[in-house]
C-alpha cells in the first residue's frame, strides 16, 4: 500500500472530522482507515490551529473550601463528563496542564 503525504491543513481537517463525530479516536481511525498513531501526532496541528492548548469551554471549575483538622485548604474541582479532578492549592501547573490535555483528547 502506497503512503500518501498529507499537508498540515489536510491533517487538521481529518482531526476536525473525528472531533465532530463524537466517536472515540481509535474507533474513528479504524472505521476511516487512518493510522491511529499518525492521527495522534496530527492533533498538535489541530490544537495550534484552533488554539485548544489553553483551557477550553468544556471544563467547569468549581472552587470550594474544605477544613482539615482546623486548617483551611482551597480546593478546585474540574469536571467534564464523568471525570472530576480535585486540585489543592499546592498543585504543579505543568502536571495539571498535561492531565487536562490527556482528559480532553480522550473525551
Protein backbone atom coordinates (compact mmCIF):
# COMPACT_ATOMS: atom_id res chain seq x y z
CA UNK A 1 0.00 0.00 0.00
CA UNK A 2 1.39 3.38 -1.02
CA UNK A 3 1.67 6.08 1.65
CA UNK A 4 0.04 9.41 0.90
CA UNK A 5 1.76 12.58 2.10
CA UNK A 6 -0.85 14.86 3.69
CA UNK A 7 -0.46 18.58 4.17
CA UNK A 8 -0.82 20.13 7.61
CA UNK A 9 -4.21 21.55 6.55
CA UNK A 10 -5.43 18.10 5.46
CA UNK A 11 -4.38 16.65 8.82
CA UNK A 12 -6.26 19.43 10.63
CA UNK A 13 -9.41 18.67 8.59
CA UNK A 14 -9.17 14.97 9.43
CA UNK A 15 -8.84 15.69 13.16
CA UNK A 16 -11.78 18.12 12.95
CA UNK A 17 -13.93 15.42 11.31
CA UNK A 18 -13.12 12.98 14.09
CA UNK A 19 -13.89 15.53 16.81
CA UNK A 20 -17.20 16.45 15.16
CA UNK A 21 -18.18 12.77 15.01
CA UNK A 22 -18.03 12.28 18.82
CA UNK A 23 -16.67 8.78 18.11
CA UNK A 24 -13.64 7.72 20.19
CA UNK A 25 -10.41 8.39 18.32
CA UNK A 26 -9.28 4.79 17.88
CA UNK A 27 -12.70 3.60 16.65
CA UNK A 28 -12.95 6.54 14.25
CA UNK A 29 -9.46 5.90 12.86
CA UNK A 30 -10.22 2.19 12.35
CA UNK A 31 -13.51 3.00 10.58
CA UNK A 32 -11.86 5.61 8.34
CA UNK A 33 -8.61 3.74 7.54
CA UNK A 34 -6.47 6.31 9.35
CA UNK A 35 -3.34 5.18 11.20
CA UNK A 36 -4.11 5.85 14.87
CA UNK A 37 -0.53 6.73 15.82
CA UNK A 38 -0.24 9.18 12.94
CA UNK A 39 -3.60 10.66 13.89
CA UNK A 40 -2.42 11.26 17.47
CA UNK A 41 0.55 13.24 16.13
CA UNK A 42 -1.76 15.36 13.95
CA UNK A 43 -3.71 16.57 16.97
CA UNK A 44 -0.93 19.08 17.75
CA UNK A 45 -1.53 20.79 14.39
CA UNK A 46 -5.25 20.91 15.13
CA UNK A 47 -4.63 22.35 18.61
CA UNK A 48 -2.28 25.01 17.22
CA UNK A 49 -4.80 25.97 14.54
CA UNK A 50 -7.78 26.15 16.91
CA UNK A 51 -5.86 27.37 19.99
CA UNK A 52 -7.08 24.44 22.07
CA UNK A 53 -3.91 24.27 24.15
CA UNK A 54 -5.49 26.80 26.51
CA UNK A 55 -8.41 25.98 28.80
CA UNK A 56 -11.43 25.08 26.69
CA UNK A 57 -15.07 25.86 27.31
CA UNK A 58 -15.88 22.23 28.16
CA UNK A 59 -14.21 22.47 31.55
CA UNK A 60 -16.24 23.64 34.54
CA UNK A 61 -14.14 24.80 37.50
CA UNK A 62 -15.85 24.81 40.90
CA UNK A 63 -13.90 26.50 43.72
CA UNK A 64 -14.70 25.21 47.18
CA UNK A 65 -13.18 25.12 50.66
CA UNK A 66 -12.65 22.15 52.93
CA UNK A 67 -11.50 22.01 56.50
CA UNK A 68 -8.78 19.58 57.55
CA UNK A 69 -8.06 19.41 61.30
CA UNK A 70 -8.67 23.11 61.88
CA UNK A 71 -6.79 24.38 58.82
CA UNK A 72 -8.36 25.54 55.57
CA UNK A 73 -7.23 24.20 52.23
CA UNK A 74 -8.54 25.67 48.98
CA UNK A 75 -9.76 23.03 46.54
CA UNK A 76 -10.70 23.42 42.90
CA UNK A 77 -12.83 20.78 41.20
CA UNK A 78 -12.64 20.45 37.42
CA UNK A 79 -15.39 18.32 35.91
CA UNK A 80 -16.17 17.16 32.40
CA UNK A 81 -18.44 14.26 31.58
CA UNK A 82 -17.79 11.55 34.15
CA UNK A 83 -14.31 12.82 35.08
CA UNK A 84 -13.71 15.06 38.11
CA UNK A 85 -10.27 16.32 39.11
CA UNK A 86 -9.75 17.88 42.53
CA UNK A 87 -6.78 20.21 42.92
CA UNK A 88 -5.39 21.60 46.16
CA UNK A 89 -3.57 24.91 46.44
CA UNK A 90 -0.10 23.34 46.16
CA UNK A 91 -0.61 21.73 42.73
CA UNK A 92 2.04 21.75 39.99
CA UNK A 93 0.75 23.72 36.97
CA UNK A 94 2.72 21.76 34.36
CA UNK A 95 1.39 18.43 35.63
CA UNK A 96 -2.18 19.77 35.66
CA UNK A 97 -1.76 21.03 32.09
CA UNK A 98 -0.62 17.57 30.93
CA UNK A 99 -3.51 15.87 32.75
CA UNK A 100 -6.07 18.22 31.19
CA UNK A 101 -4.67 17.56 27.71
CA UNK A 102 -4.99 13.81 28.21
CA UNK A 103 -8.55 14.16 29.53
CA UNK A 104 -9.51 16.50 26.67
CA UNK A 105 -8.03 14.22 23.98
CA UNK A 106 -9.80 11.15 25.37
CA UNK A 107 -13.16 12.79 25.98
